[in-house]
Amino acid sequence: MSFRTSASLLALSLSIFAAGHAVAADADAPKTRAQVQAERAEAVRTGEVVGNDLTGQKLNELFPERYPAKARAAAKTRSEVQTELSQALRTGSVPASNALGG
């Protein structure tokens, strides 16, 4: 094999390798059949599928007692919110007129 042929094969191999990584890292890349099946199974398990075509309500909305409760983010206390606001005002993240509703 000549040097040119080896170099061409190497360049082709590297470009295929790089393209494979680009597709794997791309969030818009098509999903595999297994990924779609896993997402569907999870949606059915949690009731995140439409149960009423007329209203568009999901099964977990129609029958909440049949499905696990959705995890909720912990609510902040009033003092935590006030501390965040005063810090934002101090650092200039929020203009004072917006913070006071004006």
PDB file of N, CA and C in Angstrom:
ATOM      1  N   MET A   1       0.856  -1.166   0.000  1.00  0.00           N
ATOM      2  CA  MET A   1       0.000   0.000   0.000  1.00  0.00           C
ATOM      3  C   MET A   1       0.903   1.231   0.000  1.00  0.00           C
ATOM      4  N   SER A   2       0.551   2.196  -0.794  1.00  0.00           N
ATOM      5  CA  SER A   2       1.373   3.399  -0.900  1.00  0.00           C
ATOM      6  C   SER A   2       1.081   4.349   0.258  1.00  0.00           C
ATOM      7  N   PHE A   3       1.971   5.318   0.391  1.00  0.00           N
ATOM      8  CA  PHE A   3       1.813   6.321   1.454  1.00  0.00           C
ATOM      9  C   PHE A   3       0.517   7.097   1.271  1.00  0.00           C
ATOM     10  N   ARG A   4       0.194   7.449   0.005  1.00  0.00           N
ATOM     11  CA  ARG A   4      -1.031   8.215  -0.261  1.00  0.00           C
ATOM     12  C   ARG A   4      -2.277   7.426   0.128  1.00  0.00           C
ATOM     13  N   THR A   5      -2.283   6.152  -0.194  1.00  0.00           N
ATOM     14  CA  THR A   5      -3.440   5.326   0.142  1.00  0.00           C
ATOM     15  C   THR A   5      -3.583   5.208   1.651  1.00  0.00           C
ATOM     16  N   SER A   6      -2.484   5.022   2.350  1.00  0.00           N
ATOM     17  CA  SER A   6      -2.521   4.921   3.813  1.00  0.00           C
ATOM     18  C   SER A   6      -3.001   6.218   4.427  1.00  0.00           C
ATOM     19  N   ALA A   7      -2.504   7.330   3.922  1.00  0.00           N
ATOM     20  CA  ALA A   7      -2.913   8.627   4.451  1.00  0.00           C
ATOM     21  C   ALA A   7      -4.386   8.880   4.186  1.00  0.00           C
ATOM     22  N   SER A   8      -4.866   8.486   3.008  1.00  0.00           N
ATOM     23  CA  SER A   8      -6.283   8.668   2.674  1.00  0.00           C
ATOM     24  C   SER A   8      -7.167   7.821   3.581  1.00  0.00           C
ATOM     25  N   LEU A   9      -6.755   6.563   3.805  1.00  0.00           N
ATOM     26  CA  LEU A   9      -7.528   5.692   4.683  1.00  0.00           C
ATOM     27  C   LEU A   9      -7.541   6.222   6.112  1.00  0.00           C
ATOM     28  N   LEU A  10      -6.405   6.736   6.545  1.00  0.00           N
ATOM     29  CA  LEU A  10      -6.339   7.297   7.890  1.00  0.00           C
ATOM     30  C   LEU A  10      -7.251   8.517   8.016  1.00  0.00           C
ATOM     31  N   ALA A  11      -7.220   9.388   7.028  1.00  0.00           N
ATOM     32  CA  ALA A  11      -8.064  10.580   7.050  1.00  0.00           C
ATOM     33  C   ALA A  11      -9.544  10.200   7.022  1.00  0.00           C
ATOM     34  N   LEU A  12      -9.888   9.211   6.206  1.00  0.00           N
ATOM     35  CA  LEU A  12     -11.277   8.758   6.133  1.00  0.00           C
ATOM     36  C   LEU A  12     -11.719   8.160   7.464  1.00  0.00           C
ATOM     37  N   SER A  13     -10.853   7.352   8.065  1.00  0.00           N
ATOM     38  CA  SER A  13     -11.172   6.735   9.355  1.00  0.00           C
ATOM     39  C   SER A  13     -11.388   7.792  10.428  1.00  0.00           C
ATOM     40  N   LEU A  14     -10.515   8.791  10.452  1.00  0.00           N
ATOM     41  CA  LEU A  14     -10.646   9.856  11.447  1.00  0.00           C
ATOM     42  C   LEU A  14     -11.924  10.655  11.245  1.00  0.00           C
ATOM     43  N   SER A  15     -12.289  10.926  10.003  1.00  0.00           N
ATOM     44  CA  SER A  15     -13.506  11.701   9.757  1.00  0.00           C
ATOM     45  C   SER A  15     -14.751  10.906  10.150  1.00  0.00           C
ATOM     46  N   ILE A  16     -14.745   9.601   9.904  1.00  0.00           N
ATOM     47  CA  ILE A  16     -15.876   8.772  10.314  1.00  0.00           C
ATOM     48  C   ILE A  16     -15.967   8.722  11.833  1.00  0.00           C
ATOM     49  N   PHE A  17     -14.827   8.579  12.491  1.00  0.00           N
ATOM     50  CA  PHE A  17     -14.781   8.548  13.942  1.00  0.00           C
ATOM     51  C   PHE A  17     -15.312   9.858  14.530  1.00  0.00           C
ATOM     52  N   ALA A  18     -14.880  10.975  13.979  1.00  0.00           N
ATOM     53  CA  ALA A  18     -15.326  12.283  14.469  1.00  0.00           C
ATOM     54  C   ALA A  18     -16.816  12.481  14.214  1.00  0.00           C
ATOM     55  N   ALA A  19     -17.315  12.039  13.067  1.00  0.00           N
ATOM     56  CA  ALA A  19     -18.731  12.186  12.753  1.00  0.00           C
ATOM     57  C   ALA A  19     -19.575  11.350  13.712  1.00  0.00           C
ATOM     58  N   GLY A  20     -19.099  10.177  14.064  1.00  0.00           N
ATOM     59  CA  GLY A  20     -19.817   9.329  15.008  1.00  0.00           C
ATOM     60  C   GLY A  20     -19.941   9.982  16.364  1.00  0.00           C
ATOM     61  N   HIS A  21     -18.883  10.618  16.826  1.00  0.00           N
ATOM     62  CA  HIS A  21     -18.939  11.312  18.108  1.00  0.00           C
ATOM     63  C   HIS A  21     -19.844  12.530  18.037  1.00  0.00           C
ATOM     64  N   ALA A  22     -19.853  13.218  16.924  1.00  0.00           N
ATOM     65  CA  ALA A  22     -20.707  14.393  16.782  1.00  0.00           C
ATOM     66  C   ALA A  22     -22.171  13.989  16.837  1.00  0.00           C
ATOM     67  N   VAL A  23     -22.529  12.895  16.206  1.00  0.00           N
ATOM     68  CA  VAL A  23     -23.918  12.433  16.228  1.00  0.00           C
ATOM     69  C   VAL A  23     -24.296  11.972  17.626  1.00  0.00           C
ATOM     70  N   ALA A  24     -23.396  11.270  18.294  1.00  0.00           N
ATOM     71  CA  ALA A  24     -23.683  10.775  19.633  1.00  0.00           C
ATOM     72  C   ALA A  24     -23.861  11.915  20.619  1.00  0.00           C
ATOM     73  N   ALA A  25     -23.149  13.013  20.432  1.00  0.00           N
ATOM     74  CA  ALA A  25     -23.222  14.137  21.352  1.00  0.00           C
ATOM     75  C   ALA A  25     -24.363  15.097  21.005  1.00  0.00           C
ATOM     76  N   ASP A  26     -24.947  14.961  19.811  1.00  0.00           N
ATOM     77  CA  ASP A  26     -25.989  15.869  19.362  1.00  0.00           C
ATOM     78  C   ASP A  26     -27.311  15.522  20.029  1.00  0.00           C
ATOM     79  N   ALA A  27     -27.902  16.480  20.720  1.00  0.00           N
ATOM     80  CA  ALA A  27     -29.170  16.250  21.414  1.00  0.00           C
ATOM     81  C   ALA A  27     -30.313  16.052  20.431  1.00  0.00           C
ATOM     82  N   ASP A  28     -30.170  16.565  19.208  1.00  0.00           N
ATOM     83  CA  ASP A  28     -31.220  16.436  18.199  1.00  0.00           C
ATOM     84  C   ASP A  28     -31.078  15.173  17.374  1.00  0.00           C
ATOM     85  N   ALA A  29     -30.089  14.351  17.690  1.00  0.00           N
ATOM     86  CA  ALA A  29     -29.874  13.118  16.946  1.00  0.00           C
ATOM     87  C   ALA A  29     -31.065  12.194  17.158  1.00  0.00           C
ATOM     88  N   PRO A  30     -31.404  11.408  16.165  1.00  0.00           N
ATOM     89  CA  PRO A  30     -32.534  10.490  16.319  1.00  0.00           C
ATOM     90  C   PRO A  30     -32.286   9.502  17.458  1.00  0.00           C
ATOM     91  N   LYS A  31     -33.356   9.144  18.144  1.00  0.00           N
ATOM     92  CA  LYS A  31     -33.244   8.216  19.257  1.00  0.00           C
ATOM     93  C   LYS A  31     -33.276   6.790  18.727  1.00  0.00           C
ATOM     94  N   THR A  32     -32.674   5.907  19.480  1.00  0.00           N
ATOM     95  CA  THR A  32     -32.725   4.504  19.112  1.00  0.00           C
ATOM     96  C   THR A  32     -34.088   3.935  19.469  1.00  0.00           C
ATOM     97  N   ARG A  33     -34.392   2.796  18.903  1.00  0.00           N
ATOM     98  CA  ARG A  33     -35.659   2.124  19.197  1.00  0.00           C
ATOM     99  C   ARG A  33     -35.759   1.809  20.686  1.00  0.00           C
ATOM    100  N   ALA A  34     -34.656   1.365  21.271  1.00  0.00           N
ATOM    101  CA  ALA A  34     -34.640   1.029  22.697  1.00  0.00           C
ATOM    102  C   ALA A  34     -34.907   2.262  23.560  1.00  0.00           C
ATOM    103  N   GLN A  35     -34.347   3.409  23.171  1.00  0.00           N
ATOM    104  CA  GLN A  35     -34.583   4.644  23.926  1.00  0.00           C
ATOM    105  C   GLN A  35     -36.053   5.041  23.876  1.00  0.00           C
ATOM    106  N   VAL A  36     -36.648   4.949  22.704  1.00  0.00           N
ATOM    107  CA  VAL A  36     -38.059   5.313  22.546  1.00  0.00           C
ATOM    108  C   VAL A  36     -38.933   4.359  23.353  1.00  0.00           C
ATOM    109  N   GLN A  37     -38.616   3.061  23.311  1.00  0.00           N
ATOM    110  CA  GLN A  37     -39.400   2.089  24.068  1.00  0.00           C
ATOM    111  C   GLN A  37     -39.283   2.340  25.569  1.00  0.00           C
ATOM    112  N   ALA A  38     -38.088   2.696  26.035  1.00  0.00           N
ATOM    113  CA  ALA A  38     -37.891   2.983  27.458  1.00  0.00           C
ATOM    114  C   ALA A  38     -38.669   4.228  27.872  1.00  0.00           C
ATOM    115  N   GLU A  39     -38.658   5.265  27.035  1.00  0.00           N
ATOM    116  CA  GLU A  39     -39.412   6.486  27.338  1.00  0.00           C
ATOM    117  C   GLU A  39     -40.909   6.210  27.359  1.00  0.00           C
ATOM    118  N   ARG A  40     -41.371   5.404  26.443  1.00  0.00           N
ATOM    119  CA  ARG A  40     -42.805   5.054  26.390  1.00  0.00           C
ATOM    120  C   ARG A  40     -43.198   4.272  27.644  1.00  0.00           C
ATOM    121  N   ALA A  41     -42.371   3.301  28.031  1.00  0.00           N
ATOM    122  CA  ALA A  41     -42.666   2.499  29.226  1.00  0.00           C
ATOM    123  C   ALA A  41     -42.720   3.384  30.469  1.00  0.00           C
ATOM    124  N   GLU A  42     -41.815   4.341  30.573  1.00  0.00           N
ATOM    125  CA  GLU A  42     -41.809   5.260  31.713  1.00  0.00           C
ATOM    126  C   GLU A  42     -43.052   6.142  31.704  1.00  0.00           C
ATOM    127  N   ALA A  43     -43.469   6.604  30.532  1.00  0.00           N
ATOM    128  CA  ALA A  43     -44.658   7.440  30.422  1.00  0.00           C
ATOM    129  C   ALA A  43     -45.907   6.659  30.827  1.00  0.00           C
ATOM    130  N   VAL A  44     -45.987   5.415  30.426  1.00  0.00           N
ATOM    131  CA  VAL A  44     -47.130   4.589  30.803  1.00  0.00           C
ATOM    132  C   VAL A  44     -47.099   4.335  32.306  1.00  0.00           C
ATOM    133  N   ARG A  45     -45.921   4.043  32.859  1.00  0.00           N
ATOM    134  CA  ARG A  45     -45.797   3.760  34.291  1.00  0.00           C
ATOM    135  C   ARG A  45     -46.227   4.950  35.140  1.00  0.00           C
ATOM    136  N   THR A  46     -45.895   6.169  34.693  1.00  0.00           N
ATOM    137  CA  THR A  46     -46.200   7.371  35.470  1.00  0.00           C
ATOM    138  C   THR A  46     -47.513   8.040  35.064  1.00  0.00           C
ATOM    139  N   GLY A  47     -48.203   7.482  34.050  1.00  0.00           N
ATOM    140  CA  GLY A  47     -49.471   8.052  33.614  1.00  0.00           C
ATOM    141  C   GLY A  47     -49.331   9.285  32.758  1.00  0.00           C
ATOM    142  N   GLU A  48     -48.166   9.486  32.165  1.00  0.00           N
ATOM    143  CA  GLU A  48     -47.931  10.669  31.335  1.00  0.00           C
ATOM    144  C   GLU A  48     -48.368  10.449  29.885  1.00  0.00           C
ATOM    145  N   VAL A  49     -49.451   9.707  29.693  1.00  0.00           N
ATOM    146  CA  VAL A  49     -50.023   9.498  28.367  1.00  0.00           C
ATOM    147  C   VAL A  49     -51.447  10.026  28.388  1.00  0.00           C
ATOM    148  N   VAL A  50     -51.922  10.484  27.246  1.00  0.00           N
ATOM    149  CA  VAL A  50     -53.250  11.090  27.165  1.00  0.00           C
ATOM    150  C   VAL A  50     -54.306  10.021  27.416  1.00  0.00           C
ATOM    151  N   GLY A  51     -55.212  10.313  28.327  1.00  0.00           N
ATOM    152  CA  GLY A  51     -56.283   9.396  28.674  1.00  0.00           C
ATOM    153  C   GLY A  51     -57.625   9.844  28.166  1.00  0.00           C
ATOM    154  N   ASN A  52     -57.759  11.123  27.816  1.00  0.00           N
ATOM    155  CA  ASN A  52     -59.005  11.664  27.306  1.00  0.00           C
ATOM    156  C   ASN A  52     -58.675  12.527  26.105  1.00  0.00           C
ATOM    157  N   ASP A  53     -59.004  12.023  24.922  1.00  0.00           N
ATOM    158  CA  ASP A  53     -58.667  12.742  23.691  1.00  0.00           C
ATOM    159  C   ASP A  53     -59.403  14.074  23.563  1.00  0.00           C
ATOM    160  N   LEU A  54     -60.557  14.187  24.150  1.00  0.00           N
ATOM    161  CA  LEU A  54     -61.331  15.428  24.029  1.00  0.00           C
ATOM    162  C   LEU A  54     -60.724  16.563  24.853  1.00  0.00           C
ATOM    163  N   THR A  55     -60.304  16.247  26.078  1.00  0.00           N
ATOM    164  CA  THR A  55     -59.765  17.290  26.951  1.00  0.00           C
ATOM    165  C   THR A  55     -58.239  17.335  26.938  1.00  0.00           C
ATOM    166  N   GLY A  56     -57.622  16.247  26.489  1.00  0.00           N
ATOM    167  CA  GLY A  56     -56.165  16.196  26.484  1.00  0.00           C
ATOM    168  C   GLY A  56     -55.572  15.858  27.840  1.00  0.00           C
ATOM    169  N   GLN A  57     -56.424  15.489  28.800  1.00  0.00           N
ATOM    170  CA  GLN A  57     -55.930  15.151  30.131  1.00  0.00           C
ATOM    171  C   GLN A  57     -55.146  13.844  30.092  1.00  0.00           C
ATOM    172  N   LYS A  58     -54.095  13.830  30.884  1.00  0.00           N
ATOM    173  CA  LYS A  58     -53.277  12.628  30.985  1.00  0.00           C
ATOM    174  C   LYS A  58     -53.901  11.683  32.008  1.00  0.00           C
ATOM    175  N   LEU A  59     -53.499  10.410  31.944  1.00  0.00           N
ATOM    176  CA  LEU A  59     -54.041   9.420  32.865  1.00  0.00           C
ATOM    177  C   LEU A  59     -53.755   9.767  34.318  1.00  0.00           C
ATOM    178  N   ASN A  60     -52.570  10.328  34.598  1.00  0.00           N
ATOM    179  CA  ASN A  60     -52.253  10.681  35.988  1.00  0.00           C
ATOM    180  C   ASN A  60     -53.053  11.887  36.477  1.00  0.00           C
ATOM    181  N   GLU A  61     -53.667  12.620  35.576  1.00  0.00           N
ATOM    182  CA  GLU A  61     -54.567  13.708  35.962  1.00  0.00           C
ATOM    183  C   GLU A  61     -55.983  13.183  36.184  1.00  0.00           C
ATOM    184  N   LEU A  62     -56.370  12.210  35.379  1.00  0.00           N
ATOM    185  CA  LEU A  62     -57.704  11.628  35.509  1.00  0.00           C
ATOM    186  C   LEU A  62     -57.808  10.693  36.711  1.00  0.00           C
ATOM    187  N   PHE A  63     -56.746   9.925  36.960  1.00  0.00           N
ATOM    188  CA  PHE A  63     -56.734   8.937  38.031  1.00  0.00           C
ATOM    189  C   PHE A  63     -55.464   9.078  38.870  1.00  0.00           C
ATOM    190  N   PRO A  64     -55.324  10.161  39.624  1.00  0.00           N
ATOM    191  CA  PRO A  64     -54.071  10.400  40.358  1.00  0.00           C
ATOM    192  C   PRO A  64     -53.749   9.326  41.391  1.00  0.00           C
ATOM    193  N   GLU A  65     -54.766   8.634  41.904  1.00  0.00           N
ATOM    194  CA  GLU A  65     -54.523   7.614  42.922  1.00  0.00           C
ATOM    195  C   GLU A  65     -53.830   6.372  42.348  1.00  0.00           C
ATOM    196  N   ARG A  66     -53.830   6.205  41.043  1.00  0.00           N
ATOM    197  CA  ARG A  66     -53.236   5.024  40.405  1.00  0.00           C
ATOM    198  C   ARG A  66     -51.751   5.192  40.090  1.00  0.00           C
ATOM    199  N   TYR A  67     -51.244   6.396  40.198  1.00  0.00           N
ATOM    200  CA  TYR A  67     -49.878   6.676  39.759  1.00  0.00           C
ATOM    201  C   TYR A  67     -49.065   7.318  40.873  1.00  0.00           C
ATOM    202  N   PRO A  68     -47.726   7.135  40.815  1.00  0.00           N
ATOM    203  CA  PRO A  68     -46.883   7.752  41.848  1.00  0.00           C
ATOM    204  C   PRO A  68     -46.983   9.274  41.782  1.00  0.00           C
ATOM    205  N   ALA A  69     -46.937   9.895  42.944  1.00  0.00           N
ATOM    206  CA  ALA A  69     -47.006  11.356  43.004  1.00  0.00           C
ATOM    207  C   ALA A  69     -45.757  11.959  42.386  1.00  0.00           C
ATOM    208  N   LYS A  70     -45.935  13.080  41.718  1.00  0.00           N
ATOM    209  CA  LYS A  70     -44.801  13.785  41.125  1.00  0.00           C
ATOM    210  C   LYS A  70     -43.994  14.446  42.230  1.00  0.00           C
ATOM    211  N   ALA A  71     -42.696  14.387  42.079  1.00  0.00           N
ATOM    212  CA  ALA A  71     -41.822  15.032  43.065  1.00  0.00           C
ATOM    213  C   ALA A  71     -41.939  16.539  42.912  1.00  0.00           C
ATOM    214  N   ARG A  72     -42.076  17.214  44.026  1.00  0.00           N
ATOM    215  CA  ARG A  72     -42.175  18.672  44.006  1.00  0.00           C
ATOM    216  C   ARG A  72     -40.902  19.263  44.567  1.00  0.00           C
ATOM    217  N   ALA A  73     -40.533  20.395  44.023  1.00  0.00           N
ATOM    218  CA  ALA A  73     -39.376  21.107  44.548  1.00  0.00           C
ATOM    219  C   ALA A  73     -39.737  21.685  45.915  1.00  0.00           C
ATOM    220  N   ALA A  74     -38.782  21.655  46.799  1.00  0.00           N
ATOM    221  CA  ALA A  74     -39.025  22.198  48.135  1.00  0.00           C
ATOM    222  C   ALA A  74     -39.267  23.699  48.036  1.00  0.00           C
ATOM    223  N   ALA A  75     -40.312  24.155  48.687  1.00  0.00           N
ATOM    224  CA  ALA A  75     -40.642  25.579  48.671  1.00  0.00           C
ATOM    225  C   ALA A  75     -39.684  26.334  49.591  1.00  0.00           C
ATOM    226  N   LYS A  76     -39.388  27.559  49.219  1.00  0.00           N
ATOM    227  CA  LYS A  76     -38.515  28.404  50.044  1.00  0.00           C
ATOM    228  C   LYS A  76     -39.350  29.104  51.110  1.00  0.00           C
ATOM    229  N   THR A  77     -38.710  29.351  52.214  1.00  0.00           N
ATOM    230  CA  THR A  77     -39.391  30.092  53.270  1.00  0.00           C
ATOM    231  C   THR A  77     -39.414  31.566  52.904  1.00  0.00           C
ATOM    232  N   ARG A  78     -40.247  32.315  53.578  1.00  0.00           N
ATOM    233  CA  ARG A  78     -40.341  33.759  53.348  1.00  0.00           C
ATOM    234  C   ARG A  78     -39.001  34.432  53.602  1.00  0.00           C
ATOM    235  N   SER A  79     -38.315  34.018  54.662  1.00  0.00           N
ATOM    236  CA  SER A  79     -37.030  34.647  54.980  1.00  0.00           C
ATOM    237  C   SER A  79     -35.978  34.331  53.920  1.00  0.00           C
ATOM    238  N   GLU A  80     -36.020  33.124  53.338  1.00  0.00           N
ATOM    239  CA  GLU A  80     -35.071  32.784  52.275  1.00  0.00           C
ATOM    240  C   GLU A  80     -35.290  33.657  51.044  1.00  0.00           C
ATOM    241  N   VAL A  81     -36.562  33.883  50.709  1.00  0.00           N
ATOM    242  CA  VAL A  81     -36.887  34.730  49.559  1.00  0.00           C
ATOM    243  C   VAL A  81     -36.459  36.169  49.817  1.00  0.00           C
ATOM    244  N   GLN A  82     -36.707  36.666  51.021  1.00  0.00           N
ATOM    245  CA  GLN A  82     -36.316  38.036  51.350  1.00  0.00           C
ATOM    246  C   GLN A  82     -34.797  38.188  51.327  1.00  0.00           C
ATOM    247  N   THR A  83     -34.069  37.182  51.800  1.00  0.00           N
ATOM    248  CA  THR A  83     -32.609  37.223  51.764  1.00  0.00           C
ATOM    249  C   THR A  83     -32.108  37.254  50.328  1.00  0.00           C
ATOM    250  N   GLU A  84     -32.699  36.409  49.462  1.00  0.00           N
ATOM    251  CA  GLU A  84     -32.299  36.394  48.045  1.00  0.00           C
ATOM    252  C   GLU A  84     -32.585  37.742  47.382  1.00  0.00           C
ATOM    253  N   LEU A  85     -33.729  38.332  47.703  1.00  0.00           N
ATOM    254  CA  LEU A  85     -34.085  39.626  47.123  1.00  0.00           C
ATOM    255  C   LEU A  85     -33.106  40.705  47.553  1.00  0.00           C
ATOM    256  N   SER A  86     -32.799  40.750  48.829  1.00  0.00           N
ATOM    257  CA  SER A  86     -31.873  41.791  49.301  1.00  0.00           C
ATOM    258  C   SER A  86     -30.483  41.593  48.697  1.00  0.00           C
ATOM    259  N   GLN A  87     -30.074  40.358  48.527  1.00  0.00           N
ATOM    260  CA  GLN A  87     -28.773  40.096  47.903  1.00  0.00           C
ATOM    261  C   GLN A  87     -28.789  40.506  46.431  1.00  0.00           C
ATOM    262  N   ALA A  88     -29.888  40.232  45.733  1.00  0.00           N
ATOM    263  CA  ALA A  88     -30.001  40.617  44.327  1.00  0.00           C
ATOM    264  C   ALA A  88     -30.002  42.138  44.178  1.00  0.00           C
ATOM    265  N   LEU A  89     -30.673  42.821  45.080  1.00  0.00           N
ATOM    266  CA  LEU A  89     -30.670  44.281  45.042  1.00  0.00           C
ATOM    267  C   LEU A  89     -29.276  44.829  45.322  1.00  0.00           C
ATOM    268  N   ARG A  90     -28.574  44.202  46.262  1.00  0.00           N
ATOM    269  CA  ARG A  90     -27.233  44.651  46.632  1.00  0.00           C
ATOM    270  C   ARG A  90     -26.247  44.447  45.477  1.00  0.00           C
ATOM    271  N   THR A  91     -26.364  43.338  44.753  1.00  0.00           N
ATOM    272  CA  THR A  91     -25.435  43.047  43.664  1.00  0.00           C
ATOM    273  C   THR A  91     -25.863  43.683  42.349  1.00  0.00           C
ATOM    274  N   GLY A  92     -27.087  44.210  42.306  1.00  0.00           N
ATOM    275  CA  GLY A  92     -27.571  44.851  41.086  1.00  0.00           C
ATOM    276  C   GLY A  92     -28.200  43.878  40.106  1.00  0.00           C
ATOM    277  N   SER A  93     -28.460  42.642  40.526  1.00  0.00           N
ATOM    278  CA  SER A  93     -29.076  41.645  39.656  1.00  0.00           C
ATOM    279  C   SER A  93     -30.520  42.016  39.318  1.00  0.00           C
ATOM    280  N   VAL A  94     -31.175  42.716  40.224  1.00  0.00           N
ATOM    281  CA  VAL A  94     -32.550  43.145  40.032  1.00  0.00           C
ATOM    282  C   VAL A  94     -32.611  44.637  40.312  1.00  0.00           C
ATOM    283  N   PRO A  95     -33.085  45.430  39.337  1.00  0.00           N
ATOM    284  CA  PRO A  95     -33.229  46.851  39.588  1.00  0.00           C
ATOM    285  C   PRO A  95     -34.244  47.091  40.715  1.00  0.00           C
ATOM    286  N   ALA A  96     -34.003  48.045  41.535  1.00  0.00           N
ATOM    287  CA  ALA A  96     -34.842  48.331  42.696  1.00  0.00           C
ATOM    288  C   ALA A  96     -36.289  48.627  42.272  1.00  0.00           C
ATOM    289  N   SER A  97     -36.500  49.293  41.139  1.00  0.00           N
ATOM    290  CA  SER A  97     -37.866  49.613  40.713  1.00  0.00           C
ATOM    291  C   SER A  97     -38.650  48.348  40.405  1.00  0.00           C
ATOM    292  N   ASN A  98     -38.012  47.310  39.821  1.00  0.00           N
ATOM    293  CA  ASN A  98     -38.697  46.047  39.534  1.00  0.00           C
ATOM    294  C   ASN A  98     -38.998  45.273  40.803  1.00  0.00           C
ATOM    295  N   ALA A  99     -38.097  45.334  41.773  1.00  0.00           N
ATOM    296  CA  ALA A  99     -38.266  44.570  43.000  1.00  0.00           C
ATOM    297  C   ALA A  99     -39.425  45.091  43.825  1.00  0.00           C
ATOM    298  N   LEU A 100     -39.708  46.357  43.706  1.00  0.00           N
ATOM    299  CA  LEU A 100     -40.762  46.960  44.508  1.00  0.00           C
ATOM    300  C   LEU A 100     -42.087  47.047  43.741  1.00  0.00           C
ATOM    301  N   GLY A 101     -42.117  46.435  42.542  1.00  0.00           N
ATOM    302  CA  GLY A 101     -43.349  46.418  41.760  1.00  0.00           C
ATOM    303  C   GLY A 101     -43.604  47.706  41.021  1.00  0.00           C
ATOM    304  N   GLY A 102     -42.602  48.528  40.830  1.00  0.00           N
ATOM    305  CA  GLY A 102     -42.838  49.803  40.157  1.00  0.00           C
ATOM    306  C   GLY A 102     -42.197  49.958  38.853  1.00  0.00           C
TER     307      GLY A 102
END
